[in-house]
């Protein structure tokens, strides 16, 4: 199981942790959470910023998977 938290992505005041069996699902869960709870963080982001966020999610998930 893969997991990533908002704190892993730099949102210190949010305790949300997403878990999923695949990276694609994990990304979708985090994006849905961000749209619902942190819309100011993703409003108007560029494609480059989106890609950077996906890389952060992947890196955090890989780190937690290896623990």
N, C-alpha and C. Protein backbone atom coordinates (compact mmCIF):
# COMPACT_ATOMS: atom_id res chain seq x y z
N UNK A 1 0.85 -1.17 0.00
CA UNK A 1 0.00 0.00 0.00
C UNK A 1 0.89 1.24 0.00
N UNK A 2 0.55 2.18 -0.82
CA UNK A 2 1.27 3.44 -0.91
C UNK A 2 0.55 4.49 -0.07
N UNK A 3 1.32 5.42 0.49
CA UNK A 3 0.69 6.52 1.21
C UNK A 3 1.51 7.78 1.10
N UNK A 4 0.80 8.89 1.22
CA UNK A 4 1.42 10.21 1.21
C UNK A 4 0.51 11.14 2.01
N UNK A 5 1.12 12.08 2.70
CA UNK A 5 0.33 13.01 3.50
C UNK A 5 0.50 14.43 2.97
N UNK A 6 -0.41 15.29 3.39
CA UNK A 6 -0.27 16.69 3.05
C UNK A 6 1.03 17.24 3.63
N UNK A 7 1.39 16.77 4.80
CA UNK A 7 2.64 17.23 5.42
C UNK A 7 3.84 16.86 4.57
N UNK A 8 3.79 15.69 3.90
CA UNK A 8 4.87 15.30 2.99
C UNK A 8 5.02 16.31 1.85
N UNK A 9 3.91 16.97 1.52
CA UNK A 9 3.91 17.90 0.40
C UNK A 9 4.05 19.35 0.85
N UNK A 10 4.31 19.55 2.13
CA UNK A 10 4.57 20.89 2.62
C UNK A 10 3.41 21.62 3.26
N UNK A 11 2.27 20.94 3.44
CA UNK A 11 1.12 21.56 4.09
C UNK A 11 1.15 21.12 5.56
N UNK A 12 1.83 21.90 6.37
CA UNK A 12 2.12 21.52 7.75
C UNK A 12 0.90 21.43 8.65
N UNK A 13 -0.13 22.19 8.35
CA UNK A 13 -1.30 22.23 9.24
C UNK A 13 -2.43 21.30 8.83
N UNK A 14 -2.13 20.30 7.97
CA UNK A 14 -3.15 19.35 7.54
C UNK A 14 -2.65 17.93 7.83
N UNK A 15 -3.45 17.16 8.54
CA UNK A 15 -3.06 15.81 8.94
C UNK A 15 -3.56 14.73 7.97
N UNK A 16 -4.11 15.12 6.82
CA UNK A 16 -4.65 14.16 5.87
C UNK A 16 -3.56 13.22 5.35
N UNK A 17 -3.88 11.93 5.30
CA UNK A 17 -3.00 10.92 4.74
C UNK A 17 -3.79 10.11 3.73
N UNK A 18 -3.30 10.08 2.50
CA UNK A 18 -3.94 9.30 1.44
C UNK A 18 -3.24 7.96 1.34
N UNK A 19 -4.03 6.90 1.14
CA UNK A 19 -3.48 5.57 0.90
C UNK A 19 -4.15 4.98 -0.33
N UNK A 20 -3.38 4.23 -1.10
CA UNK A 20 -3.92 3.59 -2.30
C UNK A 20 -2.99 2.47 -2.72
N UNK A 21 -3.52 1.57 -3.51
CA UNK A 21 -2.75 0.42 -3.97
C UNK A 21 -1.87 0.75 -5.18
N UNK A 22 -2.18 1.82 -5.89
CA UNK A 22 -1.39 2.19 -7.07
C UNK A 22 -1.05 3.67 -7.02
N UNK A 23 0.00 4.03 -7.72
CA UNK A 23 0.42 5.42 -7.77
C UNK A 23 -0.65 6.29 -8.41
N UNK A 24 -1.28 5.81 -9.44
CA UNK A 24 -2.33 6.58 -10.14
C UNK A 24 -3.47 6.90 -9.17
N UNK A 25 -3.92 5.91 -8.40
CA UNK A 25 -4.99 6.13 -7.44
C UNK A 25 -4.55 7.08 -6.34
N UNK A 26 -3.31 6.92 -5.88
CA UNK A 26 -2.79 7.80 -4.84
C UNK A 26 -2.78 9.26 -5.32
N UNK A 27 -2.31 9.47 -6.52
CA UNK A 27 -2.32 10.82 -7.09
C UNK A 27 -3.73 11.38 -7.15
N UNK A 28 -4.67 10.56 -7.59
CA UNK A 28 -6.06 11.01 -7.70
C UNK A 28 -6.66 11.36 -6.34
N UNK A 29 -6.37 10.55 -5.32
CA UNK A 29 -6.88 10.82 -3.98
C UNK A 29 -6.32 12.14 -3.46
N UNK A 30 -5.01 12.35 -3.66
CA UNK A 30 -4.40 13.60 -3.19
C UNK A 30 -4.94 14.80 -3.95
N UNK A 31 -5.13 14.69 -5.25
CA UNK A 31 -5.67 15.81 -6.02
C UNK A 31 -7.11 16.12 -5.62
N UNK A 32 -7.90 15.09 -5.37
CA UNK A 32 -9.27 15.30 -4.92
C UNK A 32 -9.28 16.02 -3.57
N UNK A 33 -8.43 15.57 -2.66
CA UNK A 33 -8.33 16.20 -1.35
C UNK A 33 -7.90 17.67 -1.50
N UNK A 34 -6.91 17.91 -2.34
CA UNK A 34 -6.44 19.28 -2.55
C UNK A 34 -7.54 20.17 -3.12
N UNK A 35 -8.30 19.65 -4.07
CA UNK A 35 -9.42 20.43 -4.64
C UNK A 35 -10.45 20.76 -3.58
N UNK A 36 -10.75 19.79 -2.71
CA UNK A 36 -11.79 19.98 -1.70
C UNK A 36 -11.32 20.80 -0.51
N UNK A 37 -10.10 20.59 -0.05
CA UNK A 37 -9.64 21.19 1.21
C UNK A 37 -8.62 22.31 1.04
N UNK A 38 -7.91 22.33 -0.07
CA UNK A 38 -6.86 23.32 -0.28
C UNK A 38 -6.95 23.93 -1.68
N UNK A 39 -8.12 24.40 -2.09
CA UNK A 39 -8.25 24.89 -3.47
C UNK A 39 -7.32 26.05 -3.79
N UNK A 40 -6.95 26.82 -2.78
CA UNK A 40 -6.04 27.95 -3.01
C UNK A 40 -4.65 27.49 -3.43
N UNK A 41 -4.29 26.26 -3.08
CA UNK A 41 -2.97 25.75 -3.43
C UNK A 41 -2.88 25.25 -4.87
N UNK A 42 -4.01 24.89 -5.45
CA UNK A 42 -3.96 24.33 -6.81
C UNK A 42 -4.63 25.20 -7.86
N UNK A 43 -5.29 26.26 -7.41
CA UNK A 43 -5.96 27.16 -8.36
C UNK A 43 -4.92 27.83 -9.26
N UNK A 44 -5.07 27.64 -10.53
CA UNK A 44 -4.21 28.31 -11.49
C UNK A 44 -2.79 27.78 -11.60
N UNK A 45 -2.54 26.54 -11.12
CA UNK A 45 -1.18 26.02 -11.23
C UNK A 45 -0.86 25.70 -12.68
N UNK A 46 0.40 25.84 -13.02
CA UNK A 46 0.85 25.55 -14.38
C UNK A 46 1.08 24.05 -14.54
N UNK A 47 1.27 23.63 -15.75
CA UNK A 47 1.57 22.22 -16.02
C UNK A 47 2.87 21.81 -15.33
N UNK A 48 3.84 22.71 -15.32
CA UNK A 48 5.11 22.43 -14.65
C UNK A 48 4.91 22.25 -13.15
N UNK A 49 4.09 23.09 -12.54
CA UNK A 49 3.80 22.98 -11.11
C UNK A 49 3.05 21.69 -10.81
N UNK A 50 2.13 21.32 -11.69
CA UNK A 50 1.39 20.06 -11.54
C UNK A 50 2.36 18.88 -11.59
N UNK A 51 3.26 18.89 -12.56
CA UNK A 51 4.24 17.81 -12.67
C UNK A 51 5.14 17.75 -11.44
N UNK A 52 5.52 18.90 -10.92
CA UNK A 52 6.35 18.93 -9.71
C UNK A 52 5.59 18.33 -8.53
N UNK A 53 4.30 18.60 -8.44
CA UNK A 53 3.48 18.04 -7.37
C UNK A 53 3.39 16.52 -7.51
N UNK A 54 3.24 16.03 -8.72
CA UNK A 54 3.17 14.59 -8.95
C UNK A 54 4.50 13.92 -8.58
N UNK A 55 5.61 14.59 -8.86
CA UNK A 55 6.92 14.06 -8.48
C UNK A 55 7.07 14.02 -6.96
N UNK A 56 6.58 15.04 -6.27
CA UNK A 56 6.63 15.05 -4.80
C UNK A 56 5.79 13.91 -4.23
N UNK A 57 4.62 13.70 -4.80
CA UNK A 57 3.76 12.61 -4.34
C UNK A 57 4.46 11.27 -4.54
N UNK A 58 5.04 11.07 -5.71
CA UNK A 58 5.73 9.82 -6.01
C UNK A 58 6.92 9.60 -5.08
N UNK A 59 7.69 10.65 -4.85
CA UNK A 59 8.87 10.53 -3.98
C UNK A 59 8.45 10.20 -2.55
N UNK A 60 7.42 10.87 -2.05
CA UNK A 60 6.96 10.60 -0.69
C UNK A 60 6.39 9.19 -0.57
N UNK A 61 5.66 8.75 -1.59
CA UNK A 61 5.09 7.40 -1.56
C UNK A 61 6.19 6.35 -1.60
N UNK A 62 7.21 6.56 -2.38
CA UNK A 62 8.32 5.61 -2.45
C UNK A 62 9.05 5.55 -1.12
N UNK A 63 9.20 6.70 -0.49
CA UNK A 63 9.88 6.75 0.80
C UNK A 63 9.10 5.97 1.86
N UNK A 64 7.78 6.15 1.91
CA UNK A 64 6.99 5.45 2.91
C UNK A 64 6.87 3.96 2.58
N UNK A 65 6.91 3.60 1.30
CA UNK A 65 6.82 2.19 0.90
C UNK A 65 8.07 1.43 1.32
N UNK A 66 9.19 2.13 1.42
CA UNK A 66 10.43 1.45 1.76
C UNK A 66 10.66 1.35 3.26
N UNK A 67 9.75 1.92 4.06
CA UNK A 67 9.92 1.85 5.52
C UNK A 67 9.48 0.51 6.07
